[in-house]
Amino acid sequence: MKLNNILKTKGITIQKLSEQTGINYHTLQKYSCEVREPSVKNAKILGKFLKIDWWLLFENDDENK
């Protein structure tokens, strides 16, 4: 599941996500644009904040169809 899609669905900006999780804004941008995958540690932080299973951040949207 793409981080960008999750943020749009939940109405959360990268800036707010950065402030709430402590993960660097530029790092989150790279996750959102799929330039970089999150570490397991960061995926767990994001999953907890976004109330999703953290491993979904590693799945492609095509796999969910």
PDB file of N, CA and C in Angstrom:
ATOM      1  N   MET A   1       0.845  -1.173   0.000  1.00  0.00           N
ATOM      2  CA  MET A   1       0.000   0.000   0.000  1.00  0.00           C
ATOM      3  C   MET A   1       0.892   1.240   0.000  1.00  0.00           C
ATOM      4  N   LYS A   2       0.610   2.148  -0.853  1.00  0.00           N
ATOM      5  CA  LYS A   2       1.456   3.316  -0.979  1.00  0.00           C
ATOM      6  C   LYS A   2       1.140   4.335   0.108  1.00  0.00           C
ATOM      7  N   LEU A   3       2.189   4.867   0.724  1.00  0.00           N
ATOM      8  CA  LEU A   3       2.028   5.848   1.790  1.00  0.00           C
ATOM      9  C   LEU A   3       1.236   7.046   1.302  1.00  0.00           C
ATOM     10  N   ASN A   4       1.506   7.491   0.106  1.00  0.00           N
ATOM     11  CA  ASN A   4       0.801   8.648  -0.442  1.00  0.00           C
ATOM     12  C   ASN A   4      -0.707   8.420  -0.449  1.00  0.00           C
ATOM     13  N   ASN A   5      -1.137   7.239  -0.866  1.00  0.00           N
ATOM     14  CA  ASN A   5      -2.569   6.913  -0.892  1.00  0.00           C
ATOM     15  C   ASN A   5      -3.164   6.883   0.512  1.00  0.00           C
ATOM     16  N   ILE A   6      -2.423   6.353   1.454  1.00  0.00           N
ATOM     17  CA  ILE A   6      -2.891   6.280   2.839  1.00  0.00           C
ATOM     18  C   ILE A   6      -3.083   7.692   3.392  1.00  0.00           C
ATOM     19  N   LEU A   7      -2.114   8.560   3.142  1.00  0.00           N
ATOM     20  CA  LEU A   7      -2.200   9.932   3.643  1.00  0.00           C
ATOM     21  C   LEU A   7      -3.391  10.670   3.038  1.00  0.00           C
ATOM     22  N   LYS A   8      -3.614  10.489   1.751  1.00  0.00           N
ATOM     23  CA  LYS A   8      -4.762  11.130   1.092  1.00  0.00           C
ATOM     24  C   LYS A   8      -6.067  10.629   1.699  1.00  0.00           C
ATOM     25  N   THR A   9      -6.167   9.323   1.892  1.00  0.00           N
ATOM     26  CA  THR A   9      -7.384   8.733   2.453  1.00  0.00           C
ATOM     27  C   THR A   9      -7.666   9.257   3.854  1.00  0.00           C
ATOM     28  N   LYS A  10      -6.620   9.417   4.648  1.00  0.00           N
ATOM     29  CA  LYS A  10      -6.784   9.843   6.033  1.00  0.00           C
ATOM     30  C   LYS A  10      -6.749  11.357   6.197  1.00  0.00           C
ATOM     31  N   GLY A  11      -6.425  12.079   5.120  1.00  0.00           N
ATOM     32  CA  GLY A  11      -6.383  13.540   5.189  1.00  0.00           C
ATOM     33  C   GLY A  11      -5.234  14.075   6.023  1.00  0.00           C
ATOM     34  N   ILE A  12      -4.106  13.401   5.944  1.00  0.00           N
ATOM     35  CA  ILE A  12      -2.922  13.790   6.721  1.00  0.00           C
ATOM     36  C   ILE A  12      -1.829  14.252   5.770  1.00  0.00           C
ATOM     37  N   THR A  13      -1.167  15.336   6.117  1.00  0.00           N
ATOM     38  CA  THR A  13      -0.055  15.831   5.301  1.00  0.00           C
ATOM     39  C   THR A  13       1.249  15.194   5.764  1.00  0.00           C
ATOM     40  N   ILE A  14       2.223  15.232   4.895  1.00  0.00           N
ATOM     41  CA  ILE A  14       3.557  14.731   5.256  1.00  0.00           C
ATOM     42  C   ILE A  14       4.122  15.555   6.400  1.00  0.00           C
ATOM     43  N   GLN A  15       3.860  16.855   6.390  1.00  0.00           N
ATOM     44  CA  GLN A  15       4.345  17.734   7.461  1.00  0.00           C
ATOM     45  C   GLN A  15       3.780  17.296   8.814  1.00  0.00           C
ATOM     46  N   LYS A  16       2.476  17.065   8.872  1.00  0.00           N
ATOM     47  CA  LYS A  16       1.850  16.631  10.128  1.00  0.00           C
ATOM     48  C   LYS A  16       2.384  15.268  10.552  1.00  0.00           C
ATOM     49  N   LEU A  17       2.518  14.366   9.586  1.00  0.00           N
ATOM     50  CA  LEU A  17       3.043  13.031   9.883  1.00  0.00           C
ATOM     51  C   LEU A  17       4.449  13.126  10.469  1.00  0.00           C
ATOM     52  N   SER A  18       5.251  13.993   9.907  1.00  0.00           N
ATOM     53  CA  SER A  18       6.608  14.199  10.408  1.00  0.00           C
ATOM     54  C   SER A  18       6.595  14.722  11.839  1.00  0.00           C
ATOM     55  N   GLU A  19       5.767  15.718  12.081  1.00  0.00           N
ATOM     56  CA  GLU A  19       5.676  16.315  13.421  1.00  0.00           C
ATOM     57  C   GLU A  19       5.202  15.307  14.459  1.00  0.00           C
ATOM     58  N   GLN A  20       4.240  14.476  14.083  1.00  0.00           N
ATOM     59  CA  GLN A  20       3.641  13.527  15.029  1.00  0.00           C
ATOM     60  C   GLN A  20       4.500  12.290  15.275  1.00  0.00           C
ATOM     61  N   THR A  21       5.277  11.886  14.280  1.00  0.00           N
ATOM     62  CA  THR A  21       6.055  10.646  14.413  1.00  0.00           C
ATOM     63  C   THR A  21       7.525  10.884  14.722  1.00  0.00           C
ATOM     64  N   GLY A  22       8.011  12.096  14.430  1.00  0.00           N
ATOM     65  CA  GLY A  22       9.435  12.382  14.630  1.00  0.00           C
ATOM     66  C   GLY A  22      10.307  11.897  13.485  1.00  0.00           C
ATOM     67  N   ILE A  23       9.677  11.397  12.415  1.00  0.00           N
ATOM     68  CA  ILE A  23      10.426  10.950  11.238  1.00  0.00           C
ATOM     69  C   ILE A  23      10.653  12.164  10.348  1.00  0.00           C
ATOM     70  N   ASN A  24      11.858  12.322   9.879  1.00  0.00           N
ATOM     71  CA  ASN A  24      12.244  13.469   9.067  1.00  0.00           C
ATOM     72  C   ASN A  24      11.306  13.670   7.886  1.00  0.00           C
ATOM     73  N   TYR A  25      10.925  14.928   7.648  1.00  0.00           N
ATOM     74  CA  TYR A  25      10.016  15.300   6.560  1.00  0.00           C
ATOM     75  C   TYR A  25      10.514  14.786   5.211  1.00  0.00           C
ATOM     76  N   HIS A  26      11.808  15.006   4.920  1.00  0.00           N
ATOM     77  CA  HIS A  26      12.363  14.603   3.628  1.00  0.00           C
ATOM     78  C   HIS A  26      12.384  13.078   3.469  1.00  0.00           C
ATOM     79  N   THR A  27      12.589  12.378   4.567  1.00  0.00           N
ATOM     80  CA  THR A  27      12.534  10.917   4.539  1.00  0.00           C
ATOM     81  C   THR A  27      11.122  10.456   4.192  1.00  0.00           C
ATOM     82  N   LEU A  28      10.124  11.079   4.800  1.00  0.00           N
ATOM     83  CA  LEU A  28       8.736  10.728   4.511  1.00  0.00           C
ATOM     84  C   LEU A  28       8.369  11.040   3.066  1.00  0.00           C
ATOM     85  N   GLN A  29       8.908  12.119   2.531  1.00  0.00           N
ATOM     86  CA  GLN A  29       8.666  12.440   1.122  1.00  0.00           C
ATOM     87  C   GLN A  29       9.188  11.331   0.215  1.00  0.00           C
ATOM     88  N   LYS A  30      10.368  10.812   0.552  1.00  0.00           N
ATOM     89  CA  LYS A  30      10.951   9.730  -0.245  1.00  0.00           C
ATOM     90  C   LYS A  30      10.096   8.464  -0.152  1.00  0.00           C
ATOM     91  N   TYR A  31       9.546   8.179   1.034  1.00  0.00           N
ATOM     92  CA  TYR A  31       8.646   7.033   1.178  1.00  0.00           C
ATOM     93  C   TYR A  31       7.398   7.262   0.332  1.00  0.00           C
ATOM     94  N   SER A  32       6.855   8.470   0.403  1.00  0.00           N
ATOM     95  CA  SER A  32       5.619   8.800  -0.300  1.00  0.00           C
ATOM     96  C   SER A  32       5.767   8.711  -1.817  1.00  0.00           C
ATOM     97  N   CYS A  33       6.934   9.119  -2.319  1.00  0.00           N
ATOM     98  CA  CYS A  33       7.203   9.074  -3.766  1.00  0.00           C
ATOM     99  C   CYS A  33       7.778   7.739  -4.203  1.00  0.00           C
ATOM    100  N   GLU A  34       7.915   6.815  -3.258  1.00  0.00           N
ATOM    101  CA  GLU A  34       8.453   5.478  -3.509  1.00  0.00           C
ATOM    102  C   GLU A  34       9.884   5.483  -4.020  1.00  0.00           C
ATOM    103  N   VAL A  35      10.643   6.497  -3.608  1.00  0.00           N
ATOM    104  CA  VAL A  35      12.069   6.546  -3.921  1.00  0.00           C
ATOM    105  C   VAL A  35      12.814   5.632  -2.952  1.00  0.00           C
ATOM    106  N   ARG A  36      12.226   5.459  -1.764  1.00  0.00           N
ATOM    107  CA  ARG A  36      12.850   4.684  -0.703  1.00  0.00           C
ATOM    108  C   ARG A  36      11.762   3.968   0.094  1.00  0.00           C
ATOM    109  N   GLU A  37      12.067   2.777   0.585  1.00  0.00           N
ATOM    110  CA  GLU A  37      11.146   2.054   1.467  1.00  0.00           C
ATOM    111  C   GLU A  37      11.506   2.365   2.915  1.00  0.00           C
ATOM    112  N   PRO A  38      10.510   2.394   3.785  1.00  0.00           N
ATOM    113  CA  PRO A  38      10.811   2.635   5.199  1.00  0.00           C
ATOM    114  C   PRO A  38      11.537   1.447   5.827  1.00  0.00           C
ATOM    115  N   SER A  39      12.308   1.750   6.840  1.00  0.00           N
ATOM    116  CA  SER A  39      12.883   0.664   7.638  1.00  0.00           C
ATOM    117  C   SER A  39      11.735   0.015   8.403  1.00  0.00           C
ATOM    118  N   VAL A  40      11.961  -1.165   8.917  1.00  0.00           N
ATOM    119  CA  VAL A  40      10.926  -1.833   9.705  1.00  0.00           C
ATOM    120  C   VAL A  40      10.577  -0.967  10.918  1.00  0.00           C
ATOM    121  N   LYS A  41      11.576  -0.387  11.545  1.00  0.00           N
ATOM    122  CA  LYS A  41      11.346   0.483  12.706  1.00  0.00           C
ATOM    123  C   LYS A  41      10.410   1.628  12.341  1.00  0.00           C
ATOM    124  N   ASN A  42      10.707   2.327  11.240  1.00  0.00           N
ATOM    125  CA  ASN A  42       9.864   3.447  10.831  1.00  0.00           C
ATOM    126  C   ASN A  42       8.498   2.982  10.358  1.00  0.00           C
ATOM    127  N   ALA A  43       8.432   1.840   9.700  1.00  0.00           N
ATOM    128  CA  ALA A  43       7.141   1.303   9.266  1.00  0.00           C
ATOM    129  C   ALA A  43       6.243   1.021  10.471  1.00  0.00           C
ATOM    130  N   LYS A  44       6.834   0.510  11.546  1.00  0.00           N
ATOM    131  CA  LYS A  44       6.052   0.244  12.758  1.00  0.00           C
ATOM    132  C   LYS A  44       5.559   1.542  13.387  1.00  0.00           C
ATOM    133  N   ILE A  45       6.398   2.575  13.388  1.00  0.00           N
ATOM    134  CA  ILE A  45       5.994   3.889  13.901  1.00  0.00           C
ATOM    135  C   ILE A  45       4.843   4.443  13.063  1.00  0.00           C
ATOM    136  N   LEU A  46       4.994   4.375  11.741  1.00  0.00           N
ATOM    137  CA  LEU A  46       3.963   4.885  10.838  1.00  0.00           C
ATOM    138  C   LEU A  46       2.670   4.083  10.980  1.00  0.00           C
ATOM    139  N   GLY A  47       2.797   2.774  11.056  1.00  0.00           N
ATOM    140  CA  GLY A  47       1.621   1.924  11.223  1.00  0.00           C
ATOM    141  C   GLY A  47       0.845   2.250  12.482  1.00  0.00           C
ATOM    142  N   LYS A  48       1.555   2.463  13.567  1.00  0.00           N
ATOM    143  CA  LYS A  48       0.898   2.788  14.832  1.00  0.00           C
ATOM    144  C   LYS A  48       0.170   4.123  14.724  1.00  0.00           C
ATOM    145  N   PHE A  49       0.825   5.138  14.173  1.00  0.00           N
ATOM    146  CA  PHE A  49       0.206   6.456  14.057  1.00  0.00           C
ATOM    147  C   PHE A  49      -0.971   6.445  13.085  1.00  0.00           C
ATOM    148  N   LEU A  50      -0.812   5.753  11.952  1.00  0.00           N
ATOM    149  CA  LEU A  50      -1.851   5.737  10.921  1.00  0.00           C
ATOM    150  C   LEU A  50      -2.931   4.690  11.181  1.00  0.00           C
ATOM    151  N   LYS A  51      -2.729   3.890  12.229  1.00  0.00           N
ATOM    152  CA  LYS A  51      -3.669   2.825  12.601  1.00  0.00           C
ATOM    153  C   LYS A  51      -3.864   1.822  11.460  1.00  0.00           C
ATOM    154  N   ILE A  52      -2.729   1.372  10.929  1.00  0.00           N
ATOM    155  CA  ILE A  52      -2.726   0.338   9.897  1.00  0.00           C
ATOM    156  C   ILE A  52      -1.693  -0.717  10.287  1.00  0.00           C
ATOM    157  N   ASP A  53      -1.778  -1.881   9.680  1.00  0.00           N
ATOM    158  CA  ASP A  53      -0.743  -2.904   9.869  1.00  0.00           C
ATOM    159  C   ASP A  53       0.515  -2.411   9.167  1.00  0.00           C
ATOM    160  N   TRP A  54       1.624  -2.346   9.880  1.00  0.00           N
ATOM    161  CA  TRP A  54       2.848  -1.734   9.358  1.00  0.00           C
ATOM    162  C   TRP A  54       3.364  -2.422   8.101  1.00  0.00           C
ATOM    163  N   TRP A  55       3.131  -3.721   7.990  1.00  0.00           N
ATOM    164  CA  TRP A  55       3.666  -4.442   6.825  1.00  0.00           C
ATOM    165  C   TRP A  55       2.945  -4.063   5.533  1.00  0.00           C
ATOM    166  N   LEU A  56       1.792  -3.439   5.631  1.00  0.00           N
ATOM    167  CA  LEU A  56       1.092  -2.991   4.426  1.00  0.00           C
ATOM    168  C   LEU A  56       1.892  -1.936   3.664  1.00  0.00           C
ATOM    169  N   LEU A  57       2.794  -1.251   4.344  1.00  0.00           N
ATOM    170  CA  LEU A  57       3.616  -0.234   3.688  1.00  0.00           C
ATOM    171  C   LEU A  57       4.608  -0.853   2.701  1.00  0.00           C
ATOM    172  N   PHE A  58       4.801  -2.160   2.775  1.00  0.00           N
ATOM    173  CA  PHE A  58       5.727  -2.843   1.884  1.00  0.00           C
ATOM    174  C   PHE A  58       5.030  -3.538   0.717  1.00  0.00           C
ATOM    175  N   GLU A  59       3.692  -3.527   0.710  1.00  0.00           N
ATOM    176  CA  GLU A  59       2.950  -4.181  -0.355  1.00  0.00           C
ATOM    177  C   GLU A  59       2.695  -3.220  -1.501  1.00  0.00           C
ATOM    178  N   ASN A  60       2.701  -3.752  -2.714  1.00  0.00           N
ATOM    179  CA  ASN A  60       2.336  -2.966  -3.885  1.00  0.00           C
ATOM    180  C   ASN A  60       0.826  -2.908  -3.954  1.00  0.00           C
ATOM    181  N   ASP A  61       0.298  -1.819  -4.494  1.00  0.00           N
ATOM    182  CA  ASP A  61      -1.153  -1.714  -4.650  1.00  0.00           C
ATOM    183  C   ASP A  61      -1.700  -2.822  -5.537  1.00  0.00           C
ATOM    184  N   ASP A  62      -0.909  -3.280  -6.519  1.00  0.00           N
ATOM    185  CA  ASP A  62      -1.340  -4.356  -7.417  1.00  0.00           C
ATOM    186  C   ASP A  62      -1.597  -5.658  -6.667  1.00  0.00           C
ATOM    187  N   GLU A  63      -0.860  -5.875  -5.574  1.00  0.00           N
ATOM    188  CA  GLU A  63      -1.011  -7.107  -4.797  1.00  0.00           C
ATOM    189  C   GLU A  63      -2.328  -7.127  -4.036  1.00  0.00           C
ATOM    190  N   ASN A  64      -2.921  -5.936  -3.797  1.00  0.00           N
ATOM    191  CA  ASN A  64      -4.142  -5.841  -2.990  1.00  0.00           C
ATOM    192  C   ASN A  64      -5.397  -6.005  -3.818  1.00  0.00           C
ATOM    193  N   LYS A  65      -5.276  -6.159  -5.108  1.00  0.00           N
ATOM    194  CA  LYS A  65      -6.464  -6.260  -5.978  1.00  0.00           C
ATOM    195  C   LYS A  65      -6.835  -7.705  -6.207  1.00  0.00           C
TER     196      LYS A  65
END
